[in-house]
Each structure stands twice: as C-alpha cells, then as structure tokens.
Amino acid sequence: MTRWYRGALLSALAAPALADGSAPSVPDTPAGHALSAWLTAFNSGDRAGLESFIKTQASWLRLDSLMSWRAEVGGYDLLAIYGSDRTDVAVRLRAKATSGEEIARVTVTATDPAQVTELGTFRIPPGATYVGFKLDGAPRVPRGRQDNGS
C-alpha cells in the first residue's frame, strides 16, 4: 500500500454516519476551499485535474503517489466536518472502493492565495471516531513525575 502521507490523527470510539445521508457543507474558508478543490480533483480520478491541483495549491505533492492513492480508495464521500478554522479543517471521509472510513486534515497557509501545507488521512477502525484536540504549547509533565533519563 503506497500512500504519500497518512496523517497522525487520533481515533477513539464509535460515530454514526449522517442520519439524512446528505453531505455536510464545506466551510467557506481557505482551508475549506482547498479541501473542496482536492476532493473534486481526487474524486474525478483525472490525472490532469490532480496535476492542476498540485501546481496551484500543493506543489509538494507527487502526482504518481496521488494516482496510486486514488486507485486504492476509489475516491471519497464527505461524511462529517469535525472542526475548522481559516487555515485548518478536519473531516470524516468514506472510501468509495472499500467503504472504510478515514479522518482527513487539510492545513493551508494564512497567505493569499493559500497553499496547502498538510493533507493527510488516517484510517479509523470500524466503530471508531475522531477525538480532536489542539496543541497549544510545550508538552506538560504531570506534577510529581520527572524524566530521569531511564
């Protein structure tokens, strides 16, 4: 299995699919626009469409890796938006070829035009859900515990 990147996101317990079966609205933010552009190009399976996405928004991605990834999963259905702000969006996706669910994260620069700096997915086991959090500083060591080097 070749993937250009599998983001290290967290998973924990069960989450149902959307009850009405409709796709959620993608946020009207630079990160949401990048997510939408990637999903459109990725789901099309069109090499030229993916190449255009890479050239305009994510030059660090490799076309052959994206095409292999696309062949593996068959595209994605957007199931849920877990959180977003101007430069970051986390979503739940369902792979069309396998029906497996994945968490995806898209992060973009704060510049205009925004450039994708992170685009990755993490497969979640059946019956699991995403538990998000924000890193806001240096790691903290609980009181009474110290790293003694052992």
C-alpha atoms as a PDB file:
ATOM      1  CA  MET A   1       0.000   0.000   0.000  1.00  0.00           C
ATOM      2  CA  THR A   2       1.585   3.230  -1.154  1.00  0.00           C
ATOM      3  CA  ARG A   3       0.439   6.486   0.406  1.00  0.00           C
ATOM      4  CA  TRP A   4       2.189   9.827   0.096  1.00  0.00           C
ATOM      5  CA  TYR A   5       1.124  10.697   3.587  1.00  0.00           C
ATOM      6  CA  ARG A   6      -1.056   9.265   6.294  1.00  0.00           C
ATOM      7  CA  GLY A   7      -1.587  11.976   8.906  1.00  0.00           C
ATOM      8  CA  ALA A   8      -1.173  11.048  12.545  1.00  0.00           C
ATOM      9  CA  LEU A   9      -4.603  11.919  13.805  1.00  0.00           C
ATOM     10  CA  LEU A  10      -6.374  10.401  16.796  1.00  0.00           C
ATOM     11  CA  SER A  11      -9.262   7.964  16.968  1.00  0.00           C
ATOM     12  CA  ALA A  12     -11.261   6.599  19.882  1.00  0.00           C
ATOM     13  CA  LEU A  13     -14.920   5.368  19.960  1.00  0.00           C
ATOM     14  CA  ALA A  14     -17.984   4.955  17.675  1.00  0.00           C
ATOM     15  CA  ALA A  15     -19.593   7.614  15.411  1.00  0.00           C
ATOM     16  CA  PRO A  16     -22.619   7.096  13.159  1.00  0.00           C
ATOM     17  CA  ALA A  17     -22.821   8.389   9.591  1.00  0.00           C
ATOM     18  CA  LEU A  18     -25.057  11.362   8.898  1.00  0.00           C
ATOM     19  CA  ALA A  19     -28.656  10.404   9.562  1.00  0.00           C
ATOM     20  CA  ASP A  20     -30.140  12.076   6.478  1.00  0.00           C
ATOM     21  CA  GLY A  21     -27.367  10.874   4.143  1.00  0.00           C
ATOM     22  CA  SER A  22     -26.566  14.378   2.845  1.00  0.00           C
ATOM     23  CA  ALA A  23     -23.021  15.649   2.642  1.00  0.00           C
ATOM     24  CA  PRO A  24     -22.154  18.412   5.103  1.00  0.00           C
ATOM     25  CA  SER A  25     -21.375  21.917   3.876  1.00  0.00           C
ATOM     26  CA  VAL A  26     -17.684  22.546   3.387  1.00  0.00           C
ATOM     27  CA  PRO A  27     -16.613  25.643   5.346  1.00  0.00           C
ATOM     28  CA  ASP A  28     -16.258  28.868   3.328  1.00  0.00           C
ATOM     29  CA  THR A  29     -12.639  29.350   4.399  1.00  0.00           C
ATOM     30  CA  PRO A  30      -9.291  28.979   2.634  1.00  0.00           C
ATOM     31  CA  ALA A  31      -8.889  25.529   4.233  1.00  0.00           C
ATOM     32  CA  GLY A  32     -12.425  24.562   3.187  1.00  0.00           C
ATOM     33  CA  HIS A  33     -11.780  25.744  -0.369  1.00  0.00           C
ATOM     34  CA  ALA A  34      -8.593  23.655  -0.507  1.00  0.00           C
ATOM     35  CA  LEU A  35     -10.460  20.617   0.826  1.00  0.00           C
ATOM     36  CA  SER A  36     -13.179  21.071  -1.781  1.00  0.00           C
ATOM     37  CA  ALA A  37     -10.661  21.524  -4.621  1.00  0.00           C
ATOM     38  CA  TRP A  38      -8.731  18.428  -3.544  1.00  0.00           C
ATOM     39  CA  LEU A  39     -11.854  16.269  -3.194  1.00  0.00           C
ATOM     40  CA  THR A  40     -13.121  17.382  -6.625  1.00  0.00           C
ATOM     41  CA  ALA A  41      -9.807  16.630  -8.329  1.00  0.00           C
ATOM     42  CA  PHE A  42      -9.189  13.432  -6.353  1.00  0.00           C
ATOM     43  CA  ASN A  43     -12.682  12.032  -6.870  1.00  0.00           C
ATOM     44  CA  SER A  44     -12.577  12.730 -10.607  1.00  0.00           C
ATOM     45  CA  GLY A  45      -9.615  10.388 -10.971  1.00  0.00           C
ATOM     46  CA  ASP A  46      -8.477  12.703 -13.762  1.00  0.00           C
ATOM     47  CA  ARG A  47      -4.704  12.957 -13.911  1.00  0.00           C
ATOM     48  CA  ALA A  48      -4.842  16.468 -15.398  1.00  0.00           C
ATOM     49  CA  GLY A  49      -7.203  17.654 -12.641  1.00  0.00           C
ATOM     50  CA  LEU A  50      -4.909  16.348  -9.905  1.00  0.00           C
ATOM     51  CA  GLU A  51      -1.892  17.844 -11.653  1.00  0.00           C
ATOM     52  CA  SER A  52      -3.626  21.227 -11.749  1.00  0.00           C
ATOM     53  CA  PHE A  53      -4.430  20.992  -8.007  1.00  0.00           C
ATOM     54  CA  ILE A  54      -0.786  20.187  -7.276  1.00  0.00           C
ATOM     55  CA  LYS A  55       0.524  23.070  -9.398  1.00  0.00           C
ATOM     56  CA  THR A  56      -1.837  25.669  -7.928  1.00  0.00           C
ATOM     57  CA  GLN A  57      -2.181  24.592  -4.297  1.00  0.00           C
ATOM     58  CA  ALA A  58       0.196  21.852  -3.165  1.00  0.00           C
ATOM     59  CA  SER A  59       3.451  21.695  -5.118  1.00  0.00           C
ATOM     60  CA  TRP A  60       4.999  19.301  -2.578  1.00  0.00           C
ATOM     61  CA  LEU A  61       2.557  16.504  -3.517  1.00  0.00           C
ATOM     62  CA  ARG A  62       3.591  13.883  -6.071  1.00  0.00           C
ATOM     63  CA  LEU A  63       1.157  13.090  -8.881  1.00  0.00           C
ATOM     64  CA  ASP A  64       2.023   9.393  -9.168  1.00  0.00           C
ATOM     65  CA  SER A  65       1.509   8.914  -5.420  1.00  0.00           C
ATOM     66  CA  LEU A  66      -1.890  10.633  -5.580  1.00  0.00           C
ATOM     67  CA  MET A  67      -2.913   8.496  -8.546  1.00  0.00           C
ATOM     68  CA  SER A  68      -1.915   5.316  -6.663  1.00  0.00           C
ATOM     69  CA  TRP A  69      -3.824   6.508  -3.597  1.00  0.00           C
ATOM     70  CA  ARG A  70      -6.863   7.276  -5.775  1.00  0.00           C
ATOM     71  CA  ALA A  71      -6.720   3.803  -7.366  1.00  0.00           C
ATOM     72  CA  GLU A  72      -6.619   2.238  -3.891  1.00  0.00           C
ATOM     73  CA  VAL A  73      -9.600   4.062  -2.359  1.00  0.00           C
ATOM     74  CA  GLY A  74     -11.679   4.968  -5.449  1.00  0.00           C
ATOM     75  CA  GLY A  75     -12.338   8.494  -4.184  1.00  0.00           C
ATOM     76  CA  TYR A  76     -14.109   9.679  -1.039  1.00  0.00           C
ATOM     77  CA  ASP A  77     -17.552  10.683   0.190  1.00  0.00           C
ATOM     78  CA  LEU A  78     -17.542  13.517   2.728  1.00  0.00           C
ATOM     79  CA  LEU A  79     -19.390  12.367   5.857  1.00  0.00           C
ATOM     80  CA  ALA A  80     -18.753  14.997   8.526  1.00  0.00           C
ATOM     81  CA  ILE A  81     -16.855  18.153   9.378  1.00  0.00           C
ATOM     82  CA  TYR A  82     -15.168  17.752  12.775  1.00  0.00           C
ATOM     83  CA  GLY A  83     -13.680  21.184  13.108  1.00  0.00           C
ATOM     84  CA  SER A  84     -12.379  24.051  11.075  1.00  0.00           C
ATOM     85  CA  ASP A  85     -10.947  27.494  11.167  1.00  0.00           C
ATOM     86  CA  ARG A  86      -9.482  29.719   8.489  1.00  0.00           C
ATOM     87  CA  THR A  87      -6.363  27.572   7.904  1.00  0.00           C
ATOM     88  CA  ASP A  88      -7.337  24.105   9.102  1.00  0.00           C
ATOM     89  CA  VAL A  89     -10.178  21.642   8.576  1.00  0.00           C
ATOM     90  CA  ALA A  90     -10.671  18.089   9.881  1.00  0.00           C
ATOM     91  CA  VAL A  91     -13.287  15.829   8.281  1.00  0.00           C
ATOM     92  CA  ARG A  92     -14.516  12.239   8.173  1.00  0.00           C
ATOM     93  CA  LEU A  93     -14.498  10.520   4.780  1.00  0.00           C
ATOM     94  CA  ARG A  94     -15.684   7.173   3.404  1.00  0.00           C
ATOM     95  CA  ALA A  95     -13.547   5.453   0.779  1.00  0.00           C
ATOM     96  CA  LYS A  96     -15.709   4.564  -2.233  1.00  0.00           C
ATOM     97  CA  ALA A  97     -13.843   1.360  -3.117  1.00  0.00           C
ATOM     98  CA  THR A  98     -13.725  -0.140   0.376  1.00  0.00           C
ATOM     99  CA  SER A  99     -16.376   1.711   2.427  1.00  0.00           C
ATOM    100  CA  GLY A 100     -13.671   2.198   5.052  1.00  0.00           C
ATOM    101  CA  GLU A 101     -13.801   5.439   6.997  1.00  0.00           C
ATOM    102  CA  GLU A 102     -10.912   7.851   7.384  1.00  0.00           C
ATOM    103  CA  ILE A 103     -10.205  11.117   9.100  1.00  0.00           C
ATOM    104  CA  ALA A 104      -8.637  13.794   6.893  1.00  0.00           C
ATOM    105  CA  ARG A 105      -6.932  17.015   7.761  1.00  0.00           C
ATOM    106  CA  VAL A 106      -6.143  19.885   5.413  1.00  0.00           C
ATOM    107  CA  THR A 107      -3.997  22.782   6.585  1.00  0.00           C
ATOM    108  CA  VAL A 108      -3.206  25.841   4.479  1.00  0.00           C
ATOM    109  CA  THR A 109      -1.035  28.923   4.823  1.00  0.00           C
ATOM    110  CA  ALA A 110      -2.524  32.210   6.001  1.00  0.00           C
ATOM    111  CA  THR A 111      -1.270  33.902   2.808  1.00  0.00           C
ATOM    112  CA  ASP A 112      -3.333  34.786  -0.247  1.00  0.00           C
ATOM    113  CA  PRO A 113      -3.522  32.644  -2.242  1.00  0.00           C
ATOM    114  CA  ALA A 114      -3.449  29.926   0.392  1.00  0.00           C
ATOM    115  CA  GLN A 115      -1.126  26.988  -0.166  1.00  0.00           C
ATOM    116  CA  VAL A 116      -1.730  23.510   1.263  1.00  0.00           C
ATOM    117  CA  THR A 117       0.909  22.625   3.857  1.00  0.00           C
ATOM    118  CA  GLU A 118      -0.698  19.428   5.167  1.00  0.00           C
ATOM    119  CA  LEU A 119      -3.051  16.978   3.524  1.00  0.00           C
ATOM    120  CA  GLY A 120      -3.414  13.566   5.024  1.00  0.00           C
ATOM    121  CA  THR A 121      -5.786  10.855   6.094  1.00  0.00           C
ATOM    122  CA  PHE A 122      -5.863   8.295   8.862  1.00  0.00           C
ATOM    123  CA  ARG A 123      -7.904   5.115   8.571  1.00  0.00           C
ATOM    124  CA  ILE A 124     -10.079   4.537  11.563  1.00  0.00           C
ATOM    125  CA  PRO A 125     -11.081   1.052  12.634  1.00  0.00           C
ATOM    126  CA  PRO A 126     -14.743   0.066  12.292  1.00  0.00           C
ATOM    127  CA  GLY A 127     -16.711   1.500  15.208  1.00  0.00           C
ATOM    128  CA  ALA A 128     -14.182   4.250  15.975  1.00  0.00           C
ATOM    129  CA  THR A 129     -14.470   8.036  15.878  1.00  0.00           C
ATOM    130  CA  TYR A 130     -12.138  11.014  15.845  1.00  0.00           C
ATOM    131  CA  VAL A 131     -11.306  12.827  19.059  1.00  0.00           C
ATOM    132  CA  GLY A 132      -9.760  16.165  18.194  1.00  0.00           C
ATOM    133  CA  PHE A 133      -7.605  18.450  20.244  1.00  0.00           C
ATOM    134  CA  LYS A 134      -5.427  21.478  19.702  1.00  0.00           C
ATOM    135  CA  LEU A 135      -1.767  21.603  20.672  1.00  0.00           C
ATOM    136  CA  ASP A 136      -1.264  24.913  22.415  1.00  0.00           C
ATOM    137  CA  GLY A 137       2.285  24.883  23.725  1.00  0.00           C
ATOM    138  CA  ALA A 138       5.024  22.749  25.132  1.00  0.00           C
ATOM    139  CA  PRO A 139       4.191  19.259  26.399  1.00  0.00           C
ATOM    140  CA  ARG A 140       3.394  19.199  30.088  1.00  0.00           C
ATOM    141  CA  VAL A 141       4.717  16.707  32.604  1.00  0.00           C
ATOM    142  CA  PRO A 142       2.285  15.821  35.409  1.00  0.00           C
ATOM    143  CA  ARG A 143       3.332  17.056  38.867  1.00  0.00           C
ATOM    144  CA  GLY A 144       5.458  14.593  40.750  1.00  0.00           C
ATOM    145  CA  ARG A 145       6.820  12.979  37.585  1.00  0.00           C
ATOM    146  CA  GLN A 146      10.119  13.841  36.019  1.00  0.00           C
ATOM    147  CA  ASP A 147      12.108  12.371  33.201  1.00  0.00           C
ATOM    148  CA  ASN A 148      15.159  10.843  34.871  1.00  0.00           C
ATOM    149  CA  GLY A 149      16.582   9.614  31.593  1.00  0.00           C
ATOM    150  CA  SER A 150      15.768   5.957  32.192  1.00  0.00           C
END
